[in-house]
N, C-alpha and C. Protein backbone atom coordinates (compact mmCIF):
# COMPACT_ATOMS: atom_id res chain seq x y z
N MET A 1 92.89 1.46 45.53
CA MET A 1 91.82 1.09 44.92
C MET A 1 91.87 -0.12 44.15
N ASP A 2 91.09 -0.95 44.25
CA ASP A 2 91.02 -2.27 43.48
C ASP A 2 90.60 -2.03 41.97
N GLN A 3 90.60 -2.96 41.12
CA GLN A 3 90.47 -2.98 39.56
C GLN A 3 89.03 -2.76 39.62
N LYS A 4 88.30 -3.51 40.33
CA LYS A 4 86.79 -3.41 40.10
C LYS A 4 86.28 -1.85 39.99
N THR A 5 86.61 -1.32 41.28
CA THR A 5 86.23 -0.03 41.39
C THR A 5 86.82 0.96 40.36
N LYS A 6 88.17 0.78 40.12
CA LYS A 6 88.55 1.54 38.94
C LYS A 6 87.68 1.48 37.64
N THR A 7 87.45 0.14 37.32
CA THR A 7 86.54 -0.21 35.99
C THR A 7 85.15 0.60 36.29
N THR A 8 84.54 0.57 37.47
CA THR A 8 83.30 0.97 37.56
C THR A 8 83.28 2.79 37.38
N LEU A 9 84.26 3.20 38.12
CA LEU A 9 84.62 4.81 37.91
C LEU A 9 84.83 5.14 36.61
N ALA A 10 85.30 4.31 35.61
CA ALA A 10 85.58 4.74 34.29
C ALA A 10 84.46 4.39 33.37
N ASN A 11 83.47 3.69 33.96
CA ASN A 11 82.37 3.32 32.96
C ASN A 11 81.29 4.57 32.55
N LEU A 12 81.50 4.85 31.17
CA LEU A 12 80.89 6.11 30.72
C LEU A 12 79.45 6.13 30.86
N ASP A 13 78.83 4.85 30.67
CA ASP A 13 77.48 4.66 31.01
C ASP A 13 76.79 5.14 32.35
N THR A 14 77.67 4.72 33.33
CA THR A 14 77.33 5.07 34.72
C THR A 14 77.41 6.67 35.01
N TRP A 15 78.23 7.30 34.24
CA TRP A 15 78.46 8.88 34.28
C TRP A 15 77.19 9.36 33.67
N LYS A 16 76.85 8.68 32.31
CA LYS A 16 75.54 9.18 31.69
C LYS A 16 74.32 9.31 32.33
N ARG A 17 74.06 7.98 33.13
CA ARG A 17 72.99 7.85 33.97
C ARG A 17 73.00 8.98 35.01
N GLY A 18 73.96 9.23 35.74
CA GLY A 18 74.39 10.19 36.74
C GLY A 18 73.72 11.68 36.13
N LEU A 19 74.12 12.00 35.08
CA LEU A 19 73.92 13.28 34.67
C LEU A 19 72.36 13.41 34.08
N PHE A 20 71.75 12.18 33.53
CA PHE A 20 70.34 12.21 33.29
C PHE A 20 69.58 11.91 34.73
N MET A 21 70.05 11.46 35.73
CA MET A 21 69.58 11.76 36.84
C MET A 21 69.71 13.18 37.49
N VAL A 22 70.45 13.95 37.33
CA VAL A 22 70.48 15.28 37.74
C VAL A 22 69.35 16.05 36.87
N VAL A 23 69.36 15.71 35.76
CA VAL A 23 68.41 16.48 34.60
C VAL A 23 67.10 16.30 35.28
N PHE A 24 66.78 14.96 35.29
CA PHE A 24 65.33 14.51 35.71
C PHE A 24 64.84 14.85 37.16
N THR A 25 66.03 15.06 38.02
CA THR A 25 65.78 15.78 39.33
C THR A 25 65.21 17.19 39.24
N ILE A 26 65.80 17.90 38.49
CA ILE A 26 65.56 19.22 38.10
C ILE A 26 64.00 19.27 37.54
N ILE A 27 63.92 18.34 36.43
CA ILE A 27 62.62 18.22 35.76
C ILE A 27 61.63 17.97 36.58
N SER A 28 61.68 17.27 37.68
CA SER A 28 60.63 16.75 38.66
C SER A 28 60.44 17.79 39.68
N GLY A 29 61.23 18.61 39.91
CA GLY A 29 61.18 19.81 40.72
C GLY A 29 59.97 20.78 40.07
N VAL A 30 60.39 20.95 38.65
CA VAL A 30 59.44 21.87 37.92
C VAL A 30 58.10 21.17 38.03
N ALA A 31 57.97 20.01 37.42
CA ALA A 31 56.68 19.19 37.38
C ALA A 31 56.08 19.23 38.75
N LYS A 32 56.58 19.14 39.91
CA LYS A 32 55.97 19.33 41.08
C LYS A 32 55.31 20.53 41.27
N LEU A 33 55.91 21.74 40.93
CA LEU A 33 55.66 23.17 41.26
C LEU A 33 54.41 23.06 40.32
N ILE A 34 54.19 22.53 39.06
CA ILE A 34 53.28 22.81 38.23
C ILE A 34 51.85 21.91 38.64
N VAL A 35 52.21 20.80 39.29
CA VAL A 35 51.25 20.06 40.00
C VAL A 35 50.65 20.89 41.17
N THR A 36 51.52 21.53 41.82
CA THR A 36 50.92 22.35 42.89
C THR A 36 49.83 23.28 42.47
N LEU A 37 50.58 24.08 41.34
CA LEU A 37 49.74 25.40 40.69
C LEU A 37 48.26 24.66 40.00
N VAL A 38 48.11 23.22 39.39
CA VAL A 38 47.09 23.02 38.87
C VAL A 38 46.13 22.57 40.09
N ALA A 39 46.61 22.00 41.12
CA ALA A 39 45.81 21.76 42.54
C ALA A 39 45.45 22.96 43.07
N LEU A 40 46.12 24.40 42.93
CA LEU A 40 45.65 25.48 43.46
C LEU A 40 44.55 26.07 42.47
N PHE A 41 45.03 25.93 41.07
CA PHE A 41 43.77 26.38 40.15
C PHE A 41 42.40 25.81 40.68
N GLN A 42 42.56 24.16 40.52
CA GLN A 42 41.43 23.59 40.78
C GLN A 42 40.74 24.19 42.05
N PHE A 43 41.16 24.14 43.06
CA PHE A 43 40.59 24.52 44.34
C PHE A 43 40.08 26.01 44.13
N ILE A 44 40.60 26.95 43.69
CA ILE A 44 39.96 28.37 43.27
C ILE A 44 38.92 28.28 42.43
N THR A 45 39.03 27.31 41.58
CA THR A 45 37.93 27.17 40.68
C THR A 45 36.72 26.62 41.15
N LEU A 46 37.04 25.77 42.05
CA LEU A 46 35.98 25.07 42.93
C LEU A 46 35.25 26.02 43.90
N LEU A 47 36.24 26.91 44.36
CA LEU A 47 35.55 27.99 45.37
C LEU A 47 34.81 29.14 44.61
N PHE A 48 35.15 29.34 43.54
CA PHE A 48 34.22 30.37 42.64
C PHE A 48 33.40 29.82 41.82
N LYS A 49 33.34 28.82 41.34
CA LYS A 49 32.35 28.13 40.29
C LYS A 49 31.60 27.20 40.96
N GLY A 50 32.18 26.33 42.02
CA GLY A 50 31.21 25.39 42.77
C GLY A 50 31.68 24.05 42.01
N GLN A 51 32.48 23.78 40.97
CA GLN A 51 33.09 22.69 40.59
C GLN A 51 34.22 23.04 39.94
N THR A 52 35.12 21.79 39.80
CA THR A 52 36.27 21.72 39.12
C THR A 52 36.42 22.22 37.71
N ASN A 53 37.72 22.21 37.16
CA ASN A 53 37.78 22.36 35.66
C ASN A 53 38.22 21.10 35.11
N GLU A 54 37.28 20.43 34.43
CA GLU A 54 37.33 18.90 33.97
C GLU A 54 38.48 18.78 33.03
N GLU A 55 38.72 19.82 32.13
CA GLU A 55 39.81 19.84 31.17
C GLU A 55 41.21 19.62 31.82
N MET A 56 41.30 19.87 33.33
CA MET A 56 42.56 20.09 33.80
C MET A 56 42.73 18.69 34.55
N ILE A 57 41.73 18.02 34.77
CA ILE A 57 41.89 16.80 35.52
C ILE A 57 42.86 15.65 34.82
N PRO A 58 42.64 15.34 33.50
CA PRO A 58 43.56 14.64 32.79
C PRO A 58 44.79 15.11 32.59
N PHE A 59 45.14 16.26 32.59
CA PHE A 59 46.31 17.09 32.62
C PHE A 59 47.02 16.71 33.90
N GLY A 60 46.48 16.65 35.11
CA GLY A 60 46.97 16.48 36.10
C GLY A 60 47.31 14.87 36.41
N GLN A 61 46.33 14.18 35.95
CA GLN A 61 46.95 12.81 36.16
C GLN A 61 48.05 12.54 35.21
N ASN A 62 48.12 13.01 34.03
CA ASN A 62 49.45 12.59 32.98
C ASN A 62 50.58 13.34 33.71
N LEU A 63 50.56 14.38 34.47
CA LEU A 63 51.77 15.05 34.96
C LEU A 63 52.16 14.21 35.99
N SER A 64 51.10 13.66 36.95
CA SER A 64 51.54 12.89 38.25
C SER A 64 52.03 11.61 37.74
N THR A 65 51.53 10.90 36.69
CA THR A 65 51.97 9.82 35.96
C THR A 65 53.50 9.96 35.65
N TYR A 66 53.78 11.20 34.95
CA TYR A 66 55.07 11.69 34.70
C TYR A 66 56.21 11.64 35.98
N LEU A 67 55.78 12.21 36.74
CA LEU A 67 56.30 12.07 38.03
C LEU A 67 56.76 10.90 38.51
N TYR A 68 55.72 10.09 38.40
CA TYR A 68 55.88 8.52 38.82
C TYR A 68 56.97 7.87 37.90
N GLN A 69 57.12 8.16 36.81
CA GLN A 69 58.02 7.81 35.81
C GLN A 69 59.29 8.02 36.06
N ILE A 70 59.48 9.17 36.44
CA ILE A 70 60.88 9.89 36.73
C ILE A 70 61.24 9.24 38.26
N THR A 71 60.38 9.10 39.07
CA THR A 71 60.88 8.58 40.38
C THR A 71 61.55 6.93 40.05
N LEU A 72 60.68 6.33 39.44
CA LEU A 72 61.06 4.83 39.12
C LEU A 72 62.49 4.91 38.58
N PHE A 73 62.74 6.05 37.39
CA PHE A 73 64.18 5.80 37.02
C PHE A 73 65.18 6.54 37.82
N LEU A 74 64.62 7.26 39.07
CA LEU A 74 65.85 7.99 39.78
C LEU A 74 66.11 6.93 40.71
N THR A 75 64.99 6.02 41.10
CA THR A 75 65.33 5.16 42.20
C THR A 75 65.77 3.77 41.74
N PHE A 76 66.21 3.73 40.35
CA PHE A 76 66.71 2.60 39.85
C PHE A 76 65.86 1.34 39.61
N LYS A 77 64.53 1.76 39.70
CA LYS A 77 63.53 0.69 39.39
C LYS A 77 63.45 0.35 38.03
N THR A 78 63.73 1.23 37.19
CA THR A 78 63.62 0.87 35.88
C THR A 78 64.99 1.81 35.24
N ASP A 79 65.44 1.32 34.09
CA ASP A 79 66.53 1.96 33.03
C ASP A 79 65.91 2.83 32.21
N ASP A 80 64.33 2.67 31.91
CA ASP A 80 63.72 3.31 30.82
C ASP A 80 63.53 4.63 31.31
N MET A 81 63.97 5.70 30.49
CA MET A 81 64.09 7.01 30.71
C MET A 81 62.64 7.68 30.60
N PRO A 82 62.11 8.62 31.28
CA PRO A 82 60.85 9.17 31.09
C PRO A 82 60.77 9.98 29.63
N PHE A 83 59.63 10.90 29.43
CA PHE A 83 59.69 11.93 28.39
C PHE A 83 60.72 12.82 28.53
N PRO A 84 61.58 12.91 27.66
CA PRO A 84 61.29 13.05 26.34
C PRO A 84 62.15 11.98 25.45
N PHE A 85 62.25 10.75 26.29
CA PHE A 85 63.00 9.69 25.59
C PHE A 85 61.97 8.57 25.35
N ARG A 86 60.64 8.75 25.77
CA ARG A 86 59.50 7.85 25.25
C ARG A 86 58.30 8.97 25.38
N PRO A 87 57.09 8.51 24.65
CA PRO A 87 56.02 9.16 24.79
C PRO A 87 55.72 9.83 26.28
N PHE A 88 54.88 11.10 26.14
CA PHE A 88 54.46 11.64 27.55
C PHE A 88 53.28 10.69 28.00
N PRO A 89 53.00 10.62 29.18
CA PRO A 89 52.13 9.66 29.68
C PRO A 89 50.74 10.27 29.28
N ASP A 90 49.96 9.14 28.93
CA ASP A 90 48.45 9.53 28.74
C ASP A 90 47.79 8.57 29.70
N GLY A 91 47.17 9.39 30.76
CA GLY A 91 46.22 8.14 31.87
C GLY A 91 47.40 7.68 33.03
N THR A 92 46.67 6.81 33.68
CA THR A 92 47.54 6.35 34.85
C THR A 92 48.63 5.21 34.47
N PRO A 93 49.67 5.24 35.42
CA PRO A 93 50.73 4.55 35.09
C PRO A 93 50.50 2.93 34.83
N GLU A 94 51.56 2.42 33.74
CA GLU A 94 51.46 1.26 33.71
C GLU A 94 52.24 0.60 34.70
N LEU A 95 51.82 -0.35 35.54
CA LEU A 95 52.60 -0.81 36.75
C LEU A 95 53.16 -2.30 36.02
N ASN A 96 54.33 -2.33 35.95
CA ASN A 96 55.06 -3.47 36.03
C ASN A 96 56.25 -3.85 36.93
N ILE A 97 55.81 -4.64 37.79
CA ILE A 97 56.70 -4.70 39.24
C ILE A 97 58.23 -5.11 38.63
N ASN A 98 58.34 -5.98 37.80
CA ASN A 98 59.74 -6.37 37.34
C ASN A 98 60.21 -5.53 36.39
N GLU A 99 59.75 -4.48 36.03
CA GLU A 99 60.40 -3.68 35.07
C GLU A 99 61.76 -3.32 35.26
N GLY A 100 62.77 -3.45 34.62
CA GLY A 100 64.29 -3.06 34.61
C GLY A 100 64.96 -4.02 35.79
N ASN A 101 64.41 -5.04 36.50
CA ASN A 101 64.86 -5.69 37.44
C ASN A 101 64.72 -7.06 37.05
N GLU A 102 65.19 -7.66 36.08
CA GLU A 102 65.09 -9.12 35.66
C GLU A 102 65.62 -9.81 36.72
N GLY A 103 66.68 -9.56 37.13
CA GLY A 103 67.41 -10.14 38.34
C GLY A 103 66.54 -10.50 39.77
N ASN A 104 65.86 -9.74 39.95
CA ASN A 104 64.91 -9.80 41.30
C ASN A 104 63.94 -10.81 41.10
N ASN A 105 63.62 -11.42 42.46
CA ASN A 105 62.62 -12.55 42.44
C ASN A 105 61.20 -11.73 42.96
N ALA A 106 61.24 -10.75 42.89
CA ALA A 106 59.92 -9.97 42.88
C ALA A 106 58.72 -10.48 42.02
N THR A 107 57.45 -10.64 42.30
CA THR A 107 56.33 -10.95 41.44
C THR A 107 55.48 -10.16 41.51
N ASN A 108 54.45 -10.01 40.34
CA ASN A 108 53.50 -9.11 40.38
C ASN A 108 52.14 -9.76 40.87
N GLU A 109 51.72 -10.73 41.63
CA GLU A 109 50.87 -11.47 42.12
C GLU A 109 50.31 -10.75 43.22
N THR A 110 48.94 -10.77 43.23
CA THR A 110 48.36 -9.94 44.38
C THR A 110 47.71 -11.11 45.01
N THR A 111 47.99 -11.05 46.36
CA THR A 111 47.69 -12.13 47.38
C THR A 111 47.23 -11.53 48.71
N THR A 112 46.43 -11.95 49.47
CA THR A 112 46.13 -11.40 50.80
C THR A 112 46.90 -12.20 51.79
N ILE A 113 46.74 -11.97 53.23
CA ILE A 113 47.63 -12.19 54.24
C ILE A 113 47.63 -13.65 54.17
N ASN A 114 46.65 -14.43 54.03
CA ASN A 114 46.46 -15.73 53.98
C ASN A 114 46.78 -16.67 52.61
N ASP A 115 47.26 -15.90 51.80
CA ASP A 115 47.47 -16.31 50.35
C ASP A 115 46.15 -16.78 49.65
N GLU A 116 45.11 -16.08 50.10
CA GLU A 116 43.83 -16.24 49.35
C GLU A 116 43.45 -15.50 48.13
N ALA A 117 42.63 -15.69 47.20
CA ALA A 117 42.47 -15.01 46.06
C ALA A 117 41.99 -13.66 46.45
N PRO A 118 42.42 -12.73 45.85
CA PRO A 118 41.99 -11.16 46.09
C PRO A 118 40.60 -11.24 45.75
N VAL A 119 39.77 -10.16 46.67
CA VAL A 119 38.33 -10.13 46.60
C VAL A 119 38.27 -8.77 46.20
N ASP A 120 37.28 -8.51 45.32
CA ASP A 120 36.75 -7.28 44.76
C ASP A 120 35.76 -6.91 45.80
N VAL A 121 35.80 -5.62 46.22
CA VAL A 121 34.92 -5.11 47.15
C VAL A 121 34.35 -3.75 46.67
N THR A 122 32.95 -3.66 46.92
CA THR A 122 32.29 -2.44 46.20
C THR A 122 32.12 -1.81 47.28
N GLU A 123 31.62 -0.34 47.03
CA GLU A 123 31.48 0.42 47.90
C GLU A 123 30.36 0.11 49.11
N GLU A 124 29.11 -0.38 48.08
CA GLU A 124 27.93 -0.93 48.63
C GLU A 124 28.56 -2.10 49.80
N ASP A 125 29.41 -2.88 49.62
CA ASP A 125 29.86 -3.83 50.49
C ASP A 125 30.18 -3.20 51.77
N VAL A 126 31.11 -2.11 51.68
CA VAL A 126 31.60 -1.55 52.92
C VAL A 126 30.55 -1.04 53.61
N LYS A 127 29.64 -0.14 52.90
CA LYS A 127 28.55 0.48 53.62
C LYS A 127 27.87 -0.53 54.37
N ASP A 128 27.51 -1.69 53.72
CA ASP A 128 26.76 -2.90 54.53
C ASP A 128 27.59 -3.36 55.62
N GLU A 129 28.93 -3.57 55.59
CA GLU A 129 29.61 -3.74 56.82
C GLU A 129 29.58 -2.64 57.80
N ILE A 130 29.72 -1.38 57.52
CA ILE A 130 29.54 -0.51 58.49
C ILE A 130 28.30 -0.47 59.23
N ARG A 131 27.29 -0.59 58.65
CA ARG A 131 25.73 -0.73 59.03
C ARG A 131 25.60 -1.69 60.20
N ALA A 132 26.31 -2.92 59.54
CA ALA A 132 26.28 -4.24 60.44
C ALA A 132 27.09 -3.94 61.75
N VAL A 133 28.33 -3.28 61.70
CA VAL A 133 29.00 -3.18 62.90
C VAL A 133 28.09 -2.13 63.99
N LYS A 134 27.81 -1.00 63.32
CA LYS A 134 26.81 -0.05 64.03
C LYS A 134 25.66 -0.84 64.63
N ASP A 135 25.08 -1.45 63.90
CA ASP A 135 23.86 -2.38 64.51
C ASP A 135 24.34 -3.11 65.80
N THR A 136 25.35 -3.76 65.50
CA THR A 136 25.89 -4.64 66.52
C THR A 136 26.02 -4.06 68.04
N LYS A 137 26.82 -2.66 67.64
CA LYS A 137 26.94 -1.70 68.75
C LYS A 137 25.85 -1.33 69.44
N ASP A 138 24.72 -0.82 68.45
CA ASP A 138 23.50 -0.41 69.19
C ASP A 138 22.66 -1.38 69.97
N ASP A 139 22.71 -2.60 69.28
CA ASP A 139 22.00 -3.67 70.26
C ASP A 139 22.84 -3.90 71.59
N ALA A 140 24.12 -3.75 71.42
CA ALA A 140 24.91 -4.21 72.80
C ALA A 140 24.57 -2.91 73.63
N THR A 141 24.62 -1.64 73.22
CA THR A 141 24.06 -0.40 74.13
C THR A 141 22.69 -0.57 74.52
N ASN A 142 21.71 -0.84 73.80
CA ASN A 142 20.31 -1.13 74.21
C ASN A 142 20.04 -2.24 74.91
N GLY A 143 20.69 -3.32 74.67
CA GLY A 143 20.45 -4.54 75.30
C GLY A 143 21.07 -5.02 76.45
């Protein structure tokens, strides 16, 4: 074994991270079970009441965000450990592409295939496009 490998194996921080990874893997499994139970609860509520339970929606979102944070930690995207080492998430994930990877050349710019500026598309724009395509097909069929 070379010296670099011996040094890496003796690094206490690496072993601590490995231990936390095992713990967060277990927590992730429990959290996934809870997300499944929330989804089942929402479905049953929809069946019997005709609508979902509005109080459960933010809980499901926060739990999903928590799972996302755990996944970022487990896949070495970030070194920041999730709850209980930082506050439990409230809302959607904060996306920071370069988080924990200062050495990467990744950027957080949004571009299209042709490096054009991103375009905001509304639902109405999509419906108009579908109507136009349908009208074109109808004209071709009838003409």
